[in-house]
Protein backbone atom coordinates (compact mmCIF):
# COMPACT_ATOMS: atom_id res chain seq x y z
CA MET A 1 19.42 -31.65 6.40
CA ARG A 2 16.33 -33.28 4.88
CA THR A 3 16.51 -33.24 1.12
CA VAL A 4 13.69 -33.89 -1.31
CA SER A 5 15.45 -36.01 -3.90
CA ALA A 6 14.64 -38.37 -6.73
CA MET A 7 15.24 -41.93 -7.58
CA THR A 8 15.90 -40.98 -11.20
CA THR A 9 19.40 -39.55 -11.53
CA ASN A 10 19.33 -38.78 -15.25
CA PRO A 11 16.22 -36.71 -15.98
CA THR A 12 15.29 -36.03 -19.57
CA ARG A 13 15.59 -32.37 -20.45
CA ALA A 14 12.58 -30.84 -22.17
CA GLY A 15 12.94 -29.79 -25.80
CA ARG A 16 11.08 -27.56 -28.23
CA ARG A 17 7.97 -29.75 -28.24
CA GLU A 18 7.56 -29.57 -24.46
CA TRP A 19 7.99 -25.80 -24.38
CA THR A 20 5.49 -25.41 -27.23
CA ALA A 21 3.08 -27.65 -25.35
CA LEU A 22 3.57 -25.43 -22.28
CA ALA A 23 2.48 -22.43 -24.35
CA VAL A 24 -0.70 -24.31 -25.25
CA LEU A 25 -1.32 -25.13 -21.59
CA MET A 26 -1.13 -21.46 -20.71
CA LEU A 27 -4.31 -20.82 -22.71
CA PRO A 28 -6.81 -22.56 -20.37
CA LEU A 29 -4.88 -21.35 -17.35
CA LEU A 30 -5.11 -17.77 -18.58
CA LEU A 31 -8.84 -18.03 -19.17
CA VAL A 32 -9.63 -19.68 -15.83
CA SER A 33 -7.64 -17.02 -13.95
CA MET A 34 -9.23 -14.27 -16.05
CA ASP A 35 -12.67 -15.49 -15.05
CA VAL A 36 -11.83 -14.67 -11.43
CA SER A 37 -11.59 -10.96 -12.25
CA VAL A 38 -13.51 -10.57 -15.48
CA LEU A 39 -16.60 -9.25 -13.67
CA TYR A 40 -14.89 -6.54 -11.64
CA PHE A 41 -15.33 -3.70 -14.11
CA ALA A 42 -18.57 -5.17 -15.42
CA ILE A 43 -20.28 -5.14 -12.03
CA PRO A 44 -21.73 -1.60 -12.34
CA ALA A 45 -23.40 -2.61 -15.61
CA ILE A 46 -24.56 -5.89 -14.08
CA SER A 47 -25.97 -4.03 -11.07
CA ALA A 48 -27.91 -1.68 -13.33
CA ASP A 49 -29.22 -4.48 -15.55
CA LEU A 50 -29.88 -7.38 -13.16
CA GLU A 51 -30.28 -5.36 -9.93
CA PRO A 52 -28.66 -7.94 -7.61
CA SER A 53 -28.83 -7.49 -3.84
CA GLY A 54 -25.63 -7.00 -1.90
CA THR A 55 -25.56 -10.71 -1.03
CA GLN A 56 -26.27 -11.71 -4.62
CA GLN A 57 -23.44 -9.47 -5.82
CA LEU A 58 -21.02 -11.22 -3.48
CA TRP A 59 -22.26 -14.61 -4.67
CA ILE A 60 -21.80 -13.61 -8.31
CA PHE A 61 -18.15 -13.11 -7.43
CA ASP A 62 -17.76 -15.95 -4.95
CA ILE A 63 -19.63 -18.93 -6.40
CA TYR A 64 -17.11 -19.52 -9.18
CA GLY A 65 -14.25 -19.91 -6.72
CA PHE A 66 -16.33 -21.86 -4.22
CA VAL A 67 -17.45 -24.53 -6.69
CA LEU A 68 -14.02 -24.70 -8.31
CA ALA A 69 -12.36 -25.17 -4.93
CA GLY A 70 -14.82 -27.87 -3.92
CA LEU A 71 -14.31 -29.93 -7.08
CA LEU A 72 -10.59 -29.57 -7.70
CA MET A 73 -9.66 -32.61 -5.63
CA THR A 74 -12.24 -34.69 -7.46
CA MET A 75 -11.07 -33.55 -10.88
CA GLY A 76 -7.41 -34.06 -10.01
CA ALA A 77 -8.13 -37.68 -9.14
CA VAL A 78 -10.23 -38.10 -12.29
CA GLY A 79 -7.39 -36.74 -14.42
CA ASP A 80 -4.92 -39.18 -12.89
CA ARG A 81 -7.25 -42.02 -13.88
CA ILE A 82 -8.66 -41.12 -17.30
CA GLY A 83 -5.79 -38.96 -18.54
CA ARG A 84 -4.92 -35.33 -17.83
CA ARG A 85 -5.10 -34.26 -21.48
CA ARG A 86 -8.50 -35.90 -21.91
CA LEU A 87 -9.87 -34.16 -18.82
CA LEU A 88 -8.40 -30.88 -20.03
CA LEU A 89 -10.28 -31.11 -23.33
CA ILE A 90 -13.55 -32.13 -21.64
CA GLY A 91 -13.21 -29.16 -19.33
CA ALA A 92 -12.57 -26.80 -22.23
CA ALA A 93 -15.83 -27.83 -23.88
CA ALA A 94 -17.80 -27.42 -20.61
CA PHE A 95 -16.18 -24.07 -19.89
CA GLY A 96 -17.14 -22.75 -23.30
CA ALA A 97 -20.77 -23.88 -22.98
CA ALA A 98 -21.16 -22.31 -19.54
CA SER A 99 -19.64 -19.06 -20.81
CA LEU A 100 -22.36 -18.88 -23.46
CA VAL A 101 -25.10 -19.26 -20.83
CA ALA A 102 -23.52 -16.62 -18.57
CA ALA A 103 -23.25 -14.13 -21.43
CA TYR A 104 -27.02 -14.12 -21.97
CA ALA A 105 -28.18 -14.39 -18.34
CA HIS A 106 -31.27 -12.23 -17.66
CA THR A 107 -31.43 -12.59 -13.88
CA ALA A 108 -28.93 -12.56 -11.03
CA GLU A 109 -29.91 -16.13 -10.17
CA THR A 110 -29.15 -17.32 -13.70
CA LEU A 111 -25.78 -15.60 -13.68
CA ILE A 112 -24.91 -17.14 -10.31
CA ALA A 113 -25.88 -20.59 -11.64
CA ALA A 114 -23.82 -20.10 -14.81
CA ARG A 115 -20.83 -19.01 -12.75
CA ALA A 116 -21.21 -22.19 -10.71
CA VAL A 117 -21.06 -24.29 -13.90
CA LEU A 118 -18.01 -22.30 -14.99
CA GLY A 119 -16.46 -23.32 -11.68
CA ILE A 120 -17.09 -26.97 -12.54
CA GLY A 121 -15.40 -26.50 -15.91
CA GLY A 122 -12.52 -24.60 -14.36
CA ALA A 123 -12.01 -27.40 -11.85
CA THR A 124 -11.18 -29.75 -14.72
CA LEU A 125 -8.73 -27.33 -16.33
CA MET A 126 -6.48 -26.10 -13.54
CA PRO A 127 -5.13 -29.38 -12.06
CA SER A 128 -4.71 -30.79 -15.56
CA THR A 129 -2.43 -27.96 -16.65
CA MET A 130 -0.24 -28.15 -13.55
CA ALA A 131 -0.05 -31.95 -13.62
CA LEU A 132 1.00 -31.92 -17.27
CA VAL A 133 3.75 -29.43 -16.44
CA ARG A 134 4.90 -31.81 -13.70
CA THR A 135 5.08 -34.76 -16.08
CA MET A 136 6.53 -32.93 -19.11
CA PHE A 137 9.38 -31.24 -17.22
CA THR A 138 11.35 -33.85 -15.27
CA ASP A 139 14.50 -31.75 -14.90
CA PRO A 140 14.12 -29.70 -11.68
CA GLY A 141 15.77 -26.59 -13.12
CA GLN A 142 13.53 -26.55 -16.17
CA ARG A 143 10.50 -27.41 -14.08
CA ALA A 144 11.18 -24.46 -11.78
CA LYS A 145 11.28 -22.13 -14.77
CA ALA A 146 8.10 -23.65 -16.24
CA ILE A 147 6.26 -23.33 -12.92
CA GLY A 148 7.49 -19.75 -12.58
CA LEU A 149 5.95 -19.01 -15.96
CA TRP A 150 2.79 -20.87 -14.91
CA SER A 151 2.48 -18.73 -11.77
CA THR A 152 3.12 -15.53 -13.71
CA VAL A 153 0.46 -16.34 -16.32
CA MET A 154 -2.07 -17.26 -13.65
CA THR A 155 -1.57 -13.97 -11.80
CA ALA A 156 -1.34 -11.90 -14.96
CA GLY A 157 -4.60 -13.47 -16.11
CA ILE A 158 -6.37 -11.78 -13.21
CA ALA A 159 -5.10 -8.39 -14.38
CA LEU A 160 -5.81 -9.18 -18.02
CA GLY A 161 -9.33 -10.24 -17.10
CA SER A 162 -9.93 -6.79 -15.67
CA VAL A 163 -8.56 -5.11 -18.79
CA MET A 164 -10.61 -7.32 -21.08
CA SER A 165 -13.66 -6.58 -18.96
CA GLY A 166 -13.10 -2.83 -19.19
CA VAL A 167 -12.57 -2.84 -22.96
CA LEU A 168 -15.59 -5.03 -23.69
CA VAL A 169 -17.94 -3.17 -21.33
CA GLU A 170 -16.85 0.12 -22.89
CA TYR A 171 -17.86 -0.92 -26.40
CA PHE A 172 -20.31 -3.81 -25.92
CA TRP A 173 -22.58 -5.15 -23.15
CA TRP A 174 -21.47 -6.89 -19.98
CA GLY A 175 -22.24 -10.37 -21.31
CA SER A 176 -19.43 -10.01 -23.85
CA VAL A 177 -16.89 -10.62 -21.07
CA PHE A 178 -17.92 -14.28 -21.18
CA LEU A 179 -18.07 -14.66 -24.93
CA VAL A 180 -14.33 -14.01 -25.18
CA ASN A 181 -13.81 -17.49 -23.74
CA LEU A 182 -15.36 -19.22 -26.76
CA PRO A 183 -12.68 -18.76 -29.46
CA ALA A 184 -9.88 -19.50 -27.00
CA MET A 185 -11.49 -22.74 -25.87
CA ALA A 186 -12.12 -23.72 -29.49
CA LEU A 187 -8.41 -23.17 -30.23
CA LEU A 188 -7.44 -25.36 -27.28
CA LEU A 189 -9.72 -28.13 -28.48
CA LEU A 190 -7.99 -28.02 -31.88
CA LEU A 191 -4.35 -27.76 -30.73
CA GLY A 192 -4.48 -29.81 -27.53
CA PRO A 193 -4.74 -33.27 -29.13
CA VAL A 194 -1.83 -32.45 -31.44
CA LEU A 195 0.68 -30.85 -29.07
CA LEU A 196 -0.11 -32.11 -25.57
CA PRO A 197 1.03 -35.56 -24.41
CA GLU A 198 -1.40 -37.82 -22.63
CA SER A 199 -0.49 -38.58 -19.03
CA LYS A 200 -2.16 -40.80 -16.45
CA THR A 201 -1.28 -43.21 -13.69
CA SER A 202 -1.13 -46.94 -14.33
CA ARG A 203 -1.93 -47.78 -10.71
CA ALA A 204 -5.32 -46.14 -10.29
CA GLY A 205 -7.72 -47.91 -7.99
CA ARG A 206 -11.49 -47.78 -7.84
CA PHE A 207 -12.86 -44.24 -7.87
CA ASP A 208 -14.33 -43.29 -4.49
CA LEU A 209 -17.65 -41.58 -5.27
CA LEU A 210 -18.49 -40.82 -1.64
CA SER A 211 -15.48 -38.52 -1.34
CA VAL A 212 -16.92 -36.14 -3.94
CA PRO A 213 -19.92 -34.87 -1.92
CA LEU A 214 -17.82 -34.99 1.23
CA SER A 215 -15.29 -32.58 -0.28
CA MET A 216 -18.02 -30.19 -1.41
CA ALA A 217 -19.78 -30.39 1.96
CA ALA A 218 -16.51 -29.55 3.69
CA VAL A 219 -15.81 -26.41 1.63
CA LEU A 220 -19.10 -24.65 0.93
CA PRO A 221 -20.72 -24.41 4.41
CA VAL A 222 -17.53 -23.06 5.99
CA VAL A 223 -17.06 -20.35 3.39
CA TYR A 224 -20.75 -19.42 3.46
CA GLY A 225 -20.74 -19.01 7.21
CA LEU A 226 -17.53 -16.99 7.23
CA LYS A 227 -18.95 -14.74 4.52
CA GLU A 228 -22.12 -13.95 6.45
CA ILE A 229 -20.82 -13.64 10.03
CA PRO A 230 -18.88 -10.34 9.59
CA THR A 231 -21.91 -8.52 8.13
CA GLU A 232 -24.88 -10.35 9.67
CA GLY A 233 -23.43 -11.16 13.09
CA TRP A 234 -23.00 -14.39 15.04
CA HIS A 235 -26.41 -15.82 14.23
CA VAL A 236 -26.94 -19.48 15.01
CA ARG A 237 -27.40 -20.51 11.37
CA TYR A 238 -24.02 -19.09 10.33
CA VAL A 239 -22.15 -20.60 13.27
CA MET A 240 -23.84 -23.92 12.53
CA SER A 241 -22.87 -23.62 8.87
CA VAL A 242 -19.20 -23.32 9.77
CA THR A 243 -19.49 -26.13 12.31
CA VAL A 244 -21.18 -28.48 9.84
CA GLY A 245 -18.52 -27.74 7.22
CA LEU A 246 -15.73 -28.53 9.67
CA LEU A 247 -17.42 -31.79 10.64
CA PHE A 248 -17.63 -32.80 6.98
CA ALA A 249 -13.97 -31.84 6.59
CA ALA A 250 -13.08 -34.22 9.41
CA LEU A 251 -15.14 -36.95 7.74
CA PHE A 252 -13.42 -36.30 4.43
CA VAL A 253 -9.96 -36.58 6.00
CA HIS A 254 -10.97 -39.78 7.79
CA ARG A 255 -12.31 -41.21 4.54
CA GLN A 256 -9.05 -40.48 2.71
CA ARG A 257 -7.02 -42.18 5.43
CA THR A 258 -9.12 -45.35 5.55
CA VAL A 259 -10.57 -46.04 2.09
CA ALA A 260 -8.66 -48.34 -0.25
CA SER A 261 -8.48 -45.87 -3.16
CA PRO A 262 -8.79 -42.32 -1.81
CA LEU A 263 -9.11 -39.19 -3.91
CA ILE A 264 -6.11 -37.77 -2.05
CA SER A 265 -3.55 -40.41 -1.16
CA PRO A 266 -1.75 -39.95 2.18
CA GLU A 267 1.43 -40.74 0.23
CA ILE A 268 1.36 -37.20 -1.16
CA PHE A 269 1.95 -35.75 2.30
CA ARG A 270 5.08 -37.77 3.02
CA GLY A 271 7.24 -35.18 1.32
CA ARG A 272 8.35 -32.74 3.98
CA GLY A 273 7.66 -29.66 1.91
CA PHE A 274 4.20 -30.53 0.61
CA THR A 275 1.94 -29.68 3.57
CA PRO A 276 3.51 -26.29 4.41
CA ALA A 277 3.50 -25.42 0.71
CA VAL A 278 -0.25 -26.04 0.44
CA VAL A 279 -1.07 -24.06 3.59
CA LEU A 280 1.17 -21.11 2.78
CA ASN A 281 -0.09 -21.07 -0.79
CA LEU A 282 -3.63 -20.69 0.53
CA VAL A 283 -2.54 -17.69 2.62
CA SER A 284 -0.79 -16.04 -0.32
CA ALA A 285 -3.86 -16.50 -2.54
CA ALA A 286 -6.03 -14.95 0.14
CA GLY A 287 -3.74 -11.97 0.25
CA MET A 288 -3.78 -11.55 -3.51
CA MET A 289 -7.52 -11.69 -4.08
CA GLY A 290 -8.37 -9.73 -0.96
CA SER A 291 -7.21 -6.51 -2.58
CA THR A 292 -8.52 -6.97 -6.11
CA TYR A 293 -12.18 -6.81 -5.14
CA PHE A 294 -11.67 -3.32 -3.74
CA THR A 295 -9.08 -1.75 -6.02
CA THR A 296 -10.96 -2.39 -9.26
CA GLN A 297 -14.13 -0.81 -7.87
CA TYR A 298 -12.08 1.97 -6.35
CA ILE A 299 -10.56 3.00 -9.67
CA GLN A 300 -13.87 2.88 -11.51
CA SER A 301 -16.44 4.01 -8.97
CA VAL A 302 -14.51 6.09 -6.45
CA LEU A 303 -12.20 7.84 -8.93
CA ASP A 304 -15.06 7.95 -11.48
CA LYS A 305 -13.09 6.41 -14.35
CA SER A 306 -14.81 4.83 -17.30
CA ALA A 307 -14.59 1.05 -17.61
CA LEU A 308 -11.90 1.37 -20.28
CA GLU A 309 -9.86 3.95 -18.36
CA ALA A 310 -10.07 1.89 -15.19
CA ALA A 311 -8.98 -1.25 -17.01
CA LEU A 312 -5.95 0.43 -18.59
CA TRP A 313 -4.87 1.96 -15.28
CA ALA A 314 -5.25 -1.40 -13.56
CA LEU A 315 -2.89 -2.96 -16.09
CA LEU A 316 0.11 -0.95 -14.86
CA PRO A 317 0.74 -2.94 -11.64
CA SER A 318 1.08 -6.15 -13.67
CA VAL A 319 4.44 -4.90 -15.00
CA LEU A 320 6.09 -5.96 -11.75
CA ILE A 321 4.52 -9.42 -11.92
CA GLY A 322 6.63 -10.43 -14.92
CA PHE A 323 9.83 -10.01 -12.90
CA ALA A 324 8.77 -11.55 -9.59
CA ALA A 325 8.77 -15.28 -10.36
CA PRO A 326 11.99 -15.32 -12.47
CA VAL A 327 13.85 -13.33 -9.83
CA ALA A 328 12.68 -15.64 -7.04
CA THR A 329 13.62 -18.72 -9.08
CA ARG A 330 17.06 -17.31 -9.89
CA LEU A 331 17.75 -16.52 -6.22
CA VAL A 332 16.91 -20.08 -5.16
CA GLN A 333 18.99 -21.60 -7.95
CA ARG A 334 21.95 -19.44 -6.90
CA GLY A 335 21.89 -20.78 -3.37
CA VAL A 336 19.55 -18.51 -1.41
CA GLU A 337 17.44 -20.71 0.82
CA ARG A 338 13.86 -21.04 -0.38
CA ALA A 339 12.54 -20.32 3.10
CA HIS A 340 14.14 -16.87 3.05
CA VAL A 341 12.83 -16.09 -0.43
CA VAL A 342 9.27 -17.05 0.54
CA ALA A 343 9.40 -15.11 3.81
CA ALA A 344 10.71 -12.04 1.99
CA GLY A 345 7.91 -12.40 -0.57
CA PHE A 346 5.31 -12.35 2.19
CA ALA A 347 6.92 -9.25 3.71
CA VAL A 348 6.92 -7.47 0.34
CA ALA A 349 3.26 -8.34 -0.21
CA ALA A 350 2.38 -7.06 3.27
CA SER A 351 4.05 -3.76 2.49
CA GLY A 352 1.76 -3.47 -0.52
CA TYR A 353 -1.24 -3.73 1.78
CA ALA A 354 0.34 -1.17 4.09
CA LEU A 355 0.49 1.28 1.19
CA LEU A 356 -3.13 0.56 0.33
CA ALA A 357 -4.16 1.35 3.90
CA LEU A 358 -2.95 4.94 3.33
CA ALA A 359 -5.27 5.62 0.40
CA ASP A 360 -8.01 8.25 0.38
CA THR A 361 -10.62 9.07 -2.23
CA ASP A 362 -8.03 10.58 -4.62
CA SER A 363 -4.98 8.27 -4.46
CA LEU A 364 -4.67 6.71 -7.90
CA TRP A 365 -0.87 6.37 -8.01
CA LEU A 366 -0.65 5.17 -4.42
CA VAL A 367 -3.22 2.44 -5.09
CA LEU A 368 -1.47 1.37 -8.30
CA ALA A 369 1.89 1.17 -6.51
CA ALA A 370 0.31 -0.84 -3.69
CA CYS A 371 -1.21 -3.30 -6.16
CA GLY A 372 2.11 -3.76 -7.96
CA VAL A 373 4.11 -4.39 -4.79
CA LEU A 374 1.47 -6.76 -3.41
CA ALA A 375 1.23 -8.79 -6.63
CA ALA A 376 5.01 -9.07 -7.01
CA GLY A 377 5.40 -10.42 -3.49
CA VAL A 378 2.58 -12.93 -3.87
CA VAL A 379 3.80 -14.24 -7.25
CA ALA A 380 7.30 -14.76 -5.86
CA VAL A 381 5.82 -16.76 -2.99
CA MET A 382 3.43 -18.84 -5.09
CA SER A 383 6.00 -19.80 -7.71
CA GLN A 384 8.35 -21.21 -5.08
CA LEU A 385 5.63 -23.00 -3.12
CA THR A 386 4.21 -24.60 -6.27
CA ASP A 387 7.62 -25.84 -7.36
CA LEU A 388 8.30 -27.26 -3.91
CA ALA A 389 4.91 -28.99 -3.65
CA LEU A 390 5.11 -30.66 -7.07
CA SER A 391 8.70 -31.72 -6.51
CA SER A 392 7.74 -33.31 -3.19
CA ALA A 393 4.85 -35.36 -4.58
CA PRO A 394 5.13 -38.64 -6.51
CA VAL A 395 4.85 -38.07 -10.25
CA GLU A 396 2.04 -40.64 -10.59
CA LYS A 397 0.02 -38.53 -8.14
CA ALA A 398 0.63 -35.28 -10.04
CA GLY A 399 -3.07 -34.65 -10.66
CA ALA A 400 -4.06 -35.09 -7.03
CA ALA A 401 -1.10 -33.02 -5.82
CA SER A 402 -1.89 -30.26 -8.30
CA SER A 403 -5.53 -30.30 -7.27
CA LEU A 404 -4.59 -29.81 -3.63
CA MET A 405 -2.43 -26.82 -4.48
CA GLU A 406 -5.16 -25.34 -6.62
CA THR A 407 -7.78 -26.08 -3.99
CA GLY A 408 -5.71 -24.05 -1.57
CA THR A 409 -5.35 -21.24 -4.11
CA GLU A 410 -9.02 -21.09 -5.03
CA PHE A 411 -10.25 -21.62 -1.48
CA GLY A 412 -7.91 -18.90 -0.26
CA GLY A 413 -9.08 -16.53 -2.98
CA ALA A 414 -12.75 -17.24 -2.39
CA LEU A 415 -12.33 -17.03 1.37
CA SER A 416 -10.55 -13.69 1.10
CA MET A 417 -13.31 -12.33 -1.11
CA ALA A 418 -15.80 -13.41 1.52
CA VAL A 419 -13.91 -12.28 4.62
CA PHE A 420 -12.21 -9.14 3.31
CA GLY A 421 -15.30 -8.27 1.29
CA SER A 422 -17.42 -8.65 4.39
CA ILE A 423 -15.02 -6.49 6.40
CA GLY A 424 -15.22 -3.78 3.75
CA THR A 425 -19.01 -4.09 3.58
CA ALA A 426 -19.35 -3.87 7.36
CA VAL A 427 -17.25 -0.70 7.44
CA TYR A 428 -19.21 0.69 4.50
CA HIS A 429 -22.52 0.10 6.32
CA HIS A 430 -21.13 1.71 9.46
CA GLU A 431 -19.81 4.79 7.65
CA MET A 432 -22.89 5.43 5.49
CA PRO A 433 -25.45 7.88 6.96
CA ALA A 434 -28.37 6.16 8.65
CA SER A 435 -30.72 8.38 6.63
CA ALA A 436 -29.43 7.03 3.30
CA PRO A 437 -31.84 4.86 1.26
CA ASP A 438 -31.54 1.12 1.82
CA ALA A 439 -30.20 0.52 -1.70
CA ALA A 440 -27.45 3.09 -1.09
CA ARG A 441 -26.45 1.39 2.15
CA GLU A 442 -26.08 -2.01 0.45
CA THR A 443 -23.27 -1.35 -2.06
CA LEU A 444 -21.30 1.50 -3.61
CA GLY A 445 -22.82 0.73 -7.00
CA GLY A 446 -26.29 0.94 -5.52
CA ALA A 447 -25.47 4.26 -3.82
CA LEU A 448 -24.18 5.81 -7.04
CA ALA A 449 -27.27 4.60 -8.91
CA VAL A 450 -29.54 6.20 -6.29
CA ALA A 451 -27.46 9.39 -6.27
CA ALA A 452 -27.80 9.73 -10.03
CA ARG A 453 -31.60 9.92 -9.63
CA LEU A 454 -31.51 12.55 -6.88
CA PRO A 455 -31.48 16.27 -7.63
CA GLY A 456 -28.34 18.42 -7.54
CA SER A 457 -26.47 18.74 -4.26
CA THR A 458 -28.48 15.95 -2.61
CA GLY A 459 -27.22 13.40 -5.10
CA GLU A 460 -23.67 14.73 -4.93
CA ALA A 461 -23.64 14.52 -1.14
CA LEU A 462 -24.83 10.92 -1.20
CA ALA A 463 -22.26 9.95 -3.84
CA THR A 464 -19.46 11.61 -1.86
CA ALA A 465 -20.50 9.88 1.36
CA ALA A 466 -20.64 6.50 -0.42
CA ARG A 467 -17.18 6.95 -1.98
CA GLU A 468 -15.67 7.91 1.38
CA ALA A 469 -17.39 4.97 3.10
CA PHE A 470 -16.14 2.54 0.46
CA THR A 471 -12.57 3.87 0.77
CA SER A 472 -12.75 3.44 4.53
CA GLY A 473 -13.84 -0.16 4.00
CA MET A 474 -10.93 -0.72 1.62
CA ARG A 475 -8.51 0.63 4.22
CA GLY A 476 -9.94 -1.67 6.86
CA ALA A 477 -9.54 -4.69 4.62
CA ALA A 478 -5.99 -3.58 3.74
CA VAL A 479 -4.98 -3.51 7.40
CA ALA A 480 -6.33 -7.05 7.83
CA GLY A 481 -4.43 -8.16 4.72
CA ALA A 482 -1.16 -6.66 5.92
CA VAL A 483 -1.46 -8.41 9.27
CA LEU A 484 -2.25 -11.73 7.61
CA LEU A 485 0.70 -11.69 5.20
CA LEU A 486 3.21 -10.34 7.68
CA ALA A 487 2.17 -12.99 10.18
CA ALA A 488 2.73 -15.67 7.51
CA ALA A 489 6.38 -14.68 6.95
CA VAL A 490 7.65 -16.10 10.26
CA PRO A 491 6.11 -19.60 10.03
CA ALA A 492 7.15 -19.73 6.36
CA ALA A 493 10.78 -19.15 7.29
CA ARG A 494 10.61 -21.87 9.94
CA ALA A 495 8.55 -24.50 8.10
CA LEU A 496 10.57 -24.37 4.87
CA ARG A 497 14.01 -24.19 6.44
CA GLY A 498 16.41 -26.81 5.13
CA ILE A 499 14.15 -28.11 2.34
CA ARG A 500 15.89 -28.29 -1.02
CA VAL A 501 15.30 -29.96 -4.37
CA ARG A 502 18.62 -31.04 -5.85
CA GLU A 503 19.01 -29.65 -9.36
CA ASN A 504 20.49 -32.88 -10.67
CA ALA A 505 18.05 -35.17 -8.94
CA GLY A 506 15.32 -35.48 -11.54
CA GLU A 507 11.77 -36.29 -10.47
CA ALA A 508 11.23 -35.95 -6.73
CA GLU A 509 9.31 -39.15 -6.22
CA ARG A 510 10.37 -40.02 -2.67
CA LEU A 511 11.55 -38.35 0.47
CA ASP A 512 15.20 -39.02 1.21
CA LEU A 513 15.75 -38.82 4.96
CA SER A 514 19.45 -39.65 4.92
CA GLY A 515 21.38 -37.55 7.34
CA VAL A 516 18.38 -36.83 9.59
C-alpha cells in the first residue's frame, strides 16, 4: 500500500487560538462563495433594469468564476511569497471596492466588468484561506475536521447568497446584494491582523511573470468556446477559441516544467493523491453549480414565487449540507476507505440529478429534495478530496496547492454554468414557439417580461409556454449532470484506492513509497 505520510511524527495540536482564527477565515470564504449565487434571485430585476441580452446574462454569471479561476494559480504563488495573511487582507480591500462599483452599475457592460474585478479579489481570498488552514492545523485529524468545516461553509455560502439575494431584492434594489460585502470585509480587515498568523515560504524563487498571462490564456478561450458551441453551433471561431486555449494550456504546463521558479511546482504532483483529487474536485464542482443556475430561476420564475419566498424555500436543501462533511470525515476516520466514501458521494449526488430530471412545472418539493441530495453528495466528496490534496502537498507549497484545488473548483463551476446553461438554453430555444418574439425566445425572464405587456390570454399562453420550455431545459441539463457524476464514481473508486493519511503522521510533506 502507498501511504501519504509525514516526516514530522509529533504534530502540534491546534488550540483555541487556531480555532478562533479558523472562524475568522470563514468570513471571506463565505462571501466569495456567496458571490457565486448572489445574483440568482436578483436576475429578474437586473434583466428589467439593465436589459442584458441572453449572452450578456450568461456573462454576468460566468465572468466572476472565469476570472477567479484564471488567477487563482497566480495568487496562490503570490501568497506563498509575500505571506498568505497579507494577500488575504489585500484581497479583502479589493473585493470591497469592486462590490461598491457593482452595486451602482448602470449598464450590463459595467456590471460584467465589476464582476470581473470581483473575480480578481476573490482569487486572492480563496487560496489564502485554505493555505492558512493547512499551516495552522498540522494534526491530520484536526485538519480533516477543519477542512470539513471549510467545505461546508463554502457550499452553504452558495445557498446563503441566494437567501441574502432574495431578502435584499424584496425590500431594496438589486445593487444591495453587493453592498452586503462591505461591512464583512471591513470586519475582516480589523480582525485579521490580530487573530490570523502570517505564513509564507522561506524558499521562494523569482516570480515568473510570463506564467500569469499564460494561465489566463489557457482558461478563458476554452470556457468561452464551450459556452457558445452548444447554442451557436460549431462555428469556426468557437472551435478555434477552444483550440487556442488548449495550446496555451500546453505552453503553460511546459513553462511550469522548465522554468527555474514556476508558479506551480512539479513537486506538488509527487503525492499520489494530489492529481486525482484536483480532477475529481473539478467534476464535483461542475455537478454542484450545474443545478443551481436552473433551480433558483425555477422556484422564482416558473413557480412564480417572490424573491423572498424563493430564497426561503431554497434554504431548506442546505440542512443536509451540514451533516455531509462531518459524516464523511467520521467514516474515513473509522476505517472506511476514502475511495469508497468519495465514490458513494458521487452516486448520491447523481441521484439528486435523477430526481431533478423528473420535475415538471409544479414540483416544488421534488426540486427541493433533489437539491438537498445533490448538495450533500457533493460536499461529502469535496471535503475528502480537499483533505487528501492538502495532505499530499508539501506545507511550504500550501498556497500553490490550494490554488490548484480552487482553480479546479471555480473552473468546474464556471464550466458547468456554461455547458449546462447552454444545454438548457438550447432546449429552451427549441421548445419555444417559433412565432414568439425574439426577446421571449432568448431567456425565461425576457419571455415573462414580454408576456406581462401582452393582453389577457395571449400573455398567459406565452408565459406558460416559456415556463414549460425552461423546465424542459432544466430536465435536459439534469440528465447530463446525472451522467457526469455517476460516471465519475468508478474512476474515483479506482484512483483513490489504497491512499491513506496516517492520523499520527503530522504534516504530509513527502510521499512514502515503502512497501510498494
